[in-house]
Amino acid sequence: MLLASKSIEEINRLKTQMARTFDMKDLGAARQILGMEIFKDRGNGKLWLSQQKYVEKILLRFGMNNVKPVSIPLASHFKLSSSLCPNTDEEKDYMSRIPYANVAGCLMYAMVCTRPDISHAVGVVSRYMANPGKEHWSAVKWVLRYLRGTSSYCISYNKSSEFVCGYVDSDFAGDLDKRRSTSRYVFTLAGGAISWMSKLQNIVALSTIEAEYIAASHACKEAVWLKGLLGEFGRLQDNIRLLCDSQSAIHLAKNRAYHSKLKHIPIKYHFVRQVITERGVSIEKVHTKENCADMFTKPVLLEKLRWCLASLGLQKR
């Protein structure tokens, strides 16, 4: 359990109260929890979250600790689909001996905690855990090779910005099997990423605008939750900016009038309109080059990847 407060007296009082009911051991200042290492520089107001030991552990566990590293999480030549799943008994027998699901699960935990840079890659390879093929396994090993070269990456936080800001993006029909799009968003605070998601949409979008509109709805729900969470911490923020690179999707979200392009979209996705009107979330235009959620939608060039990593506070420590 982690305790946080501006007052050390309040922390000590709570620990005393809990010790009367539970058997407790005070480990002092937080240094590690759930596989995440915590480093602090109080003098300069900085904090880092790292999973270097965890990443190195899974690399060693699956025999990938001495492989040649790569510079991007997933190469563009991987076109994964269910057509690459095993068809013959020989292929199925071979893949049954491959720890595909175990590796994907380990990657997923790293992605959820401190490695948003592998969100897109993990989301793609996780779709085939039930029946993976050799090409799927090659993609998983590629992700491990990327982690081999970036195991020291951590999320850095500082006092540069005390306001939450969100970025949202979407691909269009990126799923080669069902032609569904993927919603992606990331929120930053204090110079580092605090919340991110890369998830297949439940319906097939008929256009890029529709895919972006649905992604904005997902991001708005997270923005409302983050705003409430900040309020519980006593850090009130009247408005959370949500940056989107689709002007058409922004127009649809702000225009409450009936539109023929929206009549088939499930009602729940129109939640974005209510949020923008009533709950202190504004959606604004940002150029694609300045949208750090872009790396959540597709493999990006190394230069763009490095810019996205810097924008999200991901760096070597």
Protein backbone atom coordinates (compact mmCIF):
# COMPACT_ATOMS: atom_id res chain seq x y z
CA MET A 1 0.00 0.00 0.00
CA LEU A 2 1.16 3.51 -0.84
CA LEU A 3 0.23 6.51 1.30
CA ALA A 4 0.53 10.04 -0.03
CA SER A 5 -0.16 13.35 1.66
CA LYS A 6 1.20 16.86 1.93
CA SER A 7 1.40 16.36 5.69
CA ILE A 8 3.73 13.79 7.26
CA GLU A 9 1.67 14.11 10.46
CA GLU A 10 -1.43 12.89 8.62
CA ILE A 11 0.50 9.93 7.20
CA ASN A 12 1.78 8.95 10.64
CA ARG A 13 -1.70 9.31 12.13
CA LEU A 14 -3.21 7.03 9.47
CA LYS A 15 -0.46 4.43 9.92
CA THR A 16 -1.08 4.43 13.67
CA GLN A 17 -4.82 3.92 13.16
CA MET A 18 -4.31 1.07 10.70
CA ALA A 19 -1.72 -0.64 12.89
CA ARG A 20 -4.36 -1.02 15.60
CA THR A 21 -6.43 -3.23 13.28
CA PHE A 22 -3.95 -4.86 10.89
CA ASP A 23 -0.56 -6.49 11.20
CA MET A 24 1.62 -4.01 9.36
CA LYS A 25 5.25 -3.43 8.48
CA ASP A 26 6.38 0.11 7.72
CA LEU A 27 8.81 0.01 4.80
CA GLY A 28 9.49 3.74 4.87
CA ALA A 29 9.64 5.91 1.77
CA ALA A 30 8.25 4.18 -1.34
CA ARG A 31 10.94 2.65 -3.54
CA GLN A 32 9.16 -0.22 -5.28
CA ILE A 33 5.63 -1.52 -5.72
CA LEU A 34 4.15 -4.18 -8.02
CA GLY A 35 7.36 -4.49 -10.02
CA MET A 36 7.70 -0.72 -10.52
CA GLU A 37 10.71 1.09 -9.13
CA ILE A 38 10.24 4.63 -7.81
CA PHE A 39 13.08 7.16 -7.90
CA LYS A 40 12.76 10.66 -6.45
CA ASP A 41 14.77 13.85 -6.54
CA ARG A 42 13.02 16.08 -4.03
CA GLY A 43 15.48 18.92 -4.50
CA ASN A 44 14.62 19.32 -8.18
CA GLY A 45 11.01 18.16 -7.87
CA LYS A 46 11.39 15.11 -10.11
CA LEU A 47 10.10 11.54 -9.97
CA TRP A 48 10.71 8.50 -12.18
CA LEU A 49 8.80 5.24 -12.59
CA SER A 50 10.79 2.35 -14.03
CA GLN A 51 10.34 -1.36 -14.76
CA GLN A 52 13.89 -2.05 -15.85
CA LYS A 53 14.35 -5.03 -13.54
CA TYR A 54 11.00 -6.49 -14.61
CA VAL A 55 11.82 -6.09 -18.32
CA GLU A 56 15.25 -7.65 -17.89
CA LYS A 57 13.66 -10.51 -15.96
CA ILE A 58 11.21 -11.40 -18.74
CA LEU A 59 13.96 -11.09 -21.37
CA LEU A 60 16.05 -13.57 -19.42
CA ARG A 61 13.07 -15.84 -18.79
CA PHE A 62 12.28 -16.20 -22.49
CA GLY A 63 15.87 -16.32 -23.71
CA MET A 64 15.87 -12.88 -25.35
CA ASN A 65 18.43 -11.16 -23.12
CA ASN A 66 21.25 -11.34 -25.68
CA VAL A 67 19.36 -10.62 -28.90
CA LYS A 68 20.12 -7.72 -31.23
CA PRO A 69 17.91 -4.75 -30.26
CA VAL A 70 15.69 -2.83 -32.68
CA SER A 71 14.75 0.84 -32.57
CA ILE A 72 10.93 0.75 -32.99
CA PRO A 73 8.29 -1.31 -31.13
CA LEU A 74 6.80 -2.96 -34.23
CA ALA A 75 8.00 -2.79 -37.84
CA SER A 76 5.61 -1.81 -40.61
CA HIS A 77 6.21 -5.05 -42.53
CA PHE A 78 4.20 -7.02 -39.96
CA LYS A 79 0.71 -7.39 -41.47
CA LEU A 80 -0.87 -9.63 -38.87
CA SER A 81 -4.21 -11.32 -39.41
CA SER A 82 -5.99 -14.59 -38.63
CA SER A 83 -4.96 -15.89 -42.07
CA LEU A 84 -1.50 -16.41 -40.58
CA CYS A 85 -2.82 -18.74 -37.87
CA PRO A 86 -1.75 -22.43 -38.10
CA ASN A 87 -3.72 -24.57 -40.54
CA THR A 88 -1.95 -27.92 -40.35
CA ASP A 89 -1.47 -30.24 -37.40
CA GLU A 90 2.29 -29.86 -37.74
CA GLU A 91 2.08 -26.07 -37.42
CA LYS A 92 -0.32 -26.32 -34.49
CA ASP A 93 1.97 -28.79 -32.73
CA TYR A 94 4.95 -26.48 -33.23
CA MET A 95 3.12 -23.42 -31.89
CA SER A 96 1.78 -25.36 -28.90
CA ARG A 97 5.35 -25.46 -27.60
CA ILE A 98 5.78 -21.69 -27.94
CA PRO A 99 4.96 -19.65 -24.76
CA TYR A 100 3.07 -17.06 -26.81
CA ALA A 101 0.35 -16.26 -24.28
CA ASN A 102 2.86 -16.05 -21.42
CA VAL A 103 5.05 -13.57 -23.28
CA ALA A 104 2.06 -11.50 -24.40
CA GLY A 105 0.81 -11.35 -20.81
CA CYS A 106 4.21 -10.17 -19.57
CA LEU A 107 4.35 -7.52 -22.28
CA MET A 108 0.85 -6.40 -21.39
CA TYR A 109 1.79 -5.80 -17.76
CA ALA A 110 4.79 -3.69 -18.77
CA MET A 111 2.60 -1.73 -21.19
CA VAL A 112 -0.08 -1.06 -18.56
CA CYS A 113 2.36 0.19 -15.90
CA THR A 114 5.16 2.24 -17.44
CA ARG A 115 5.60 1.48 -21.16
CA PRO A 116 2.95 3.24 -23.25
CA ASP A 117 5.37 3.11 -26.20
CA ILE A 118 4.54 -0.57 -26.79
CA SER A 119 0.75 -0.13 -26.53
CA HIS A 120 0.12 -0.46 -30.26
CA ALA A 121 2.41 -3.47 -30.65
CA VAL A 122 0.98 -5.30 -27.63
CA GLY A 123 -2.57 -4.57 -28.75
CA VAL A 124 -1.89 -6.12 -32.15
CA VAL A 125 -0.12 -9.30 -30.97
CA SER A 126 -2.67 -9.87 -28.17
CA ARG A 127 -5.46 -10.45 -30.71
CA TYR A 128 -4.03 -13.86 -31.65
CA MET A 129 -3.30 -15.46 -28.28
CA ALA A 130 -5.92 -18.16 -28.87
CA ASN A 131 -4.25 -19.51 -32.01
CA PRO A 132 -0.96 -17.76 -32.85
CA GLY A 133 1.11 -18.51 -35.92
CA LYS A 134 4.81 -18.22 -36.69
CA GLU A 135 4.49 -14.70 -38.04
CA HIS A 136 2.64 -13.62 -34.89
CA TRP A 137 5.45 -15.09 -32.82
CA SER A 138 8.01 -13.20 -34.91
CA ALA A 139 6.16 -9.97 -34.09
CA VAL A 140 6.24 -10.77 -30.37
CA LYS A 141 9.98 -11.40 -30.54
CA TRP A 142 10.38 -8.08 -32.33
CA VAL A 143 8.71 -6.33 -29.37
CA LEU A 144 11.09 -8.14 -27.00
CA ARG A 145 14.04 -7.00 -29.11
CA TYR A 146 12.78 -3.43 -28.80
CA LEU A 147 12.58 -3.81 -25.02
CA ARG A 148 16.09 -5.25 -25.05
CA GLY A 149 17.40 -1.91 -26.26
CA THR A 150 15.06 0.26 -24.15
CA SER A 151 14.87 -1.61 -20.85
CA SER A 152 16.17 1.45 -18.99
CA TYR A 153 13.32 3.66 -20.22
CA CYS A 154 11.17 5.17 -17.48
CA ILE A 155 8.45 7.78 -17.17
CA SER A 156 9.71 11.08 -15.82
CA TYR A 157 7.55 13.60 -13.95
CA ASN A 158 8.44 17.15 -12.95
CA LYS A 159 6.85 20.44 -11.97
CA SER A 160 6.81 21.85 -15.49
CA SER A 161 3.06 21.38 -15.94
CA GLU A 162 0.45 20.78 -13.26
CA PHE A 163 -2.51 20.44 -15.64
CA VAL A 164 -3.89 17.32 -17.28
CA CYS A 165 -3.90 17.36 -21.07
CA GLY A 166 -5.14 14.61 -23.36
CA TYR A 167 -4.38 13.46 -26.90
CA VAL A 168 -6.68 11.24 -28.93
CA ASP A 169 -6.26 9.50 -32.27
CA SER A 170 -7.55 6.55 -34.24
CA ASP A 171 -6.58 4.42 -37.19
CA PHE A 172 -9.18 3.42 -39.77
CA ALA A 173 -9.98 -0.26 -40.35
CA GLY A 174 -6.58 -1.29 -39.02
CA ASP A 175 -7.85 -4.73 -37.99
CA LEU A 176 -7.35 -6.84 -41.11
CA ASP A 177 -9.84 -9.51 -39.95
CA LYS A 178 -13.01 -7.61 -39.04
CA ARG A 179 -11.94 -4.22 -40.43
CA ARG A 180 -12.51 -2.51 -37.11
CA SER A 181 -10.68 0.66 -36.12
CA THR A 182 -8.75 1.26 -32.92
CA SER A 183 -9.27 4.03 -30.36
CA ARG A 184 -6.14 5.47 -28.80
CA TYR A 185 -5.65 8.18 -26.20
CA VAL A 186 -3.03 9.34 -23.74
CA PHE A 187 -3.19 11.89 -20.91
CA THR A 188 -0.21 13.70 -19.47
CA LEU A 189 0.42 15.47 -16.19
CA ALA A 190 3.63 17.01 -14.80
CA GLY A 191 5.49 16.26 -18.01
CA GLY A 192 4.73 12.52 -18.11
CA ALA A 193 2.03 10.09 -19.22
CA ILE A 194 -0.47 9.11 -16.52
CA SER A 195 -3.18 7.27 -18.49
CA TRP A 196 -3.28 5.65 -21.93
CA MET A 197 -5.35 3.18 -23.94
CA SER A 198 -5.21 1.33 -27.24
CA LYS A 199 -8.38 -0.67 -27.85
CA LEU A 200 -10.32 -2.06 -30.80
CA GLN A 201 -13.66 -0.38 -31.34
CA ASN A 202 -16.78 -2.51 -30.91
CA ILE A 203 -18.30 -1.50 -34.24
CA VAL A 204 -16.99 -1.11 -37.77
CA ALA A 205 -16.52 2.58 -38.54
CA LEU A 206 -17.65 3.65 -41.98
CA SER A 207 -15.17 6.51 -42.29
CA THR A 208 -12.09 8.03 -40.71
CA ILE A 209 -14.26 10.77 -39.20
CA GLU A 210 -16.48 8.20 -37.50
CA ALA A 211 -13.49 6.30 -36.11
CA GLU A 212 -12.05 9.54 -34.70
CA TYR A 213 -15.43 10.51 -33.21
CA ILE A 214 -15.75 7.17 -31.39
CA ALA A 215 -12.17 7.47 -30.12
CA ALA A 216 -12.95 10.94 -28.79
CA SER A 217 -15.90 9.50 -26.87
CA HIS A 218 -13.62 6.95 -25.17
CA ALA A 219 -11.13 9.69 -24.30
CA CYS A 220 -13.83 11.95 -22.87
CA LYS A 221 -14.90 9.24 -20.42
CA GLU A 222 -11.33 8.99 -19.16
CA ALA A 223 -11.06 12.78 -18.95
CA VAL A 224 -14.16 12.97 -16.75
CA TRP A 225 -12.74 10.28 -14.44
CA LEU A 226 -9.34 12.01 -14.21
CA LYS A 227 -11.02 15.31 -13.43
CA GLY A 228 -12.90 13.68 -10.55
CA LEU A 229 -9.75 11.98 -9.30
CA LEU A 230 -7.85 15.27 -9.27
CA GLY A 231 -10.72 16.80 -7.33
CA GLU A 232 -10.38 14.12 -4.64
CA PHE A 233 -6.71 15.06 -4.36
CA GLY A 234 -7.67 18.70 -3.93
CA ARG A 235 -6.29 19.70 -7.34
CA LEU A 236 -9.26 21.22 -9.10
CA GLN A 237 -8.99 21.71 -12.86
CA ASP A 238 -11.89 23.54 -14.46
CA ASN A 239 -11.17 22.37 -17.98
CA ILE A 240 -9.26 19.43 -19.46
CA ARG A 241 -8.04 19.97 -23.01
CA LEU A 242 -8.44 17.03 -25.37
CA LEU A 243 -6.37 17.44 -28.53
CA CYS A 244 -7.50 15.75 -31.74
CA ASP A 245 -6.01 15.95 -35.24
CA SER A 246 -9.35 15.51 -37.06
CA GLN A 247 -11.15 18.82 -37.62
CA SER A 248 -14.22 17.02 -38.95
CA ALA A 249 -14.55 14.86 -35.83
CA ILE A 250 -14.22 17.97 -33.66
CA HIS A 251 -16.98 19.66 -35.64
CA LEU A 252 -19.30 16.68 -35.22
CA ALA A 253 -18.59 16.56 -31.48
CA LYS A 254 -19.40 20.24 -31.00
CA ASN A 255 -22.41 20.38 -33.31
CA ARG A 256 -25.43 18.95 -31.48
CA ALA A 257 -27.64 19.16 -34.57
CA TYR A 258 -28.82 16.05 -36.41
CA HIS A 259 -26.35 14.80 -38.99
CA SER A 260 -26.89 12.03 -41.53
CA LYS A 261 -23.37 10.69 -40.97
CA LEU A 262 -24.14 9.98 -37.30
CA LYS A 263 -27.60 8.43 -37.36
CA HIS A 264 -26.29 4.83 -37.31
CA ILE A 265 -23.75 5.34 -34.49
CA PRO A 266 -24.83 3.85 -31.11
CA ILE A 267 -26.13 6.42 -28.65
CA LYS A 268 -23.38 5.78 -26.09
CA TYR A 269 -20.76 7.35 -28.34
CA HIS A 270 -22.64 10.66 -28.39
CA PHE A 271 -21.59 11.02 -24.76
CA VAL A 272 -18.77 13.16 -26.10
CA ARG A 273 -21.24 15.95 -26.91
CA GLN A 274 -22.63 16.08 -23.38
CA VAL A 275 -19.16 16.08 -21.86
CA ILE A 276 -17.99 18.98 -24.00
CA THR A 277 -21.13 20.96 -23.11
CA GLU A 278 -21.49 20.24 -19.41
CA ARG A 279 -18.48 18.58 -17.79
CA GLY A 280 -15.49 20.82 -18.37
CA VAL A 281 -13.74 19.00 -21.22
CA SER A 282 -12.82 20.90 -24.39
CA ILE A 283 -11.79 19.25 -27.64
CA GLU A 284 -9.34 21.20 -29.76
CA LYS A 285 -7.43 20.82 -33.01
CA VAL A 286 -3.80 19.76 -33.05
CA HIS A 287 -1.62 19.04 -36.06
CA THR A 288 -0.86 15.37 -36.67
CA LYS A 289 2.85 16.12 -36.28
CA GLU A 290 2.15 17.36 -32.74
CA ASN A 291 -0.20 14.57 -31.70
CA CYS A 292 1.79 12.21 -29.47
CA ALA A 293 -1.06 9.66 -29.59
CA ASP A 294 -0.04 9.00 -33.19
CA MET A 295 2.39 6.27 -32.10
CA PHE A 296 -0.54 4.40 -30.53
CA THR A 297 -2.23 3.93 -33.90
CA LYS A 298 0.49 2.58 -36.18
CA PRO A 299 4.24 2.00 -36.51
CA VAL A 300 5.87 5.42 -36.83
CA LEU A 301 9.26 6.50 -38.10
CA LEU A 302 12.11 6.65 -35.61
CA GLU A 303 12.22 10.45 -35.58
CA LYS A 304 8.49 10.71 -34.79
CA LEU A 305 8.78 7.95 -32.19
CA ARG A 306 11.52 9.81 -30.35
CA TRP A 307 9.43 12.99 -30.33
CA CYS A 308 6.42 11.09 -28.96
CA LEU A 309 8.55 9.47 -26.25
CA ALA A 310 9.90 12.85 -25.17
CA SER A 311 6.37 14.34 -25.10
CA LEU A 312 5.20 11.54 -22.81
CA GLY A 313 8.19 11.79 -20.47
CA LEU A 314 9.69 8.46 -21.55
CA GLN A 315 13.45 8.62 -21.29
CA LYS A 316 16.53 6.72 -20.19
CA ARG A 317 17.51 7.26 -16.62
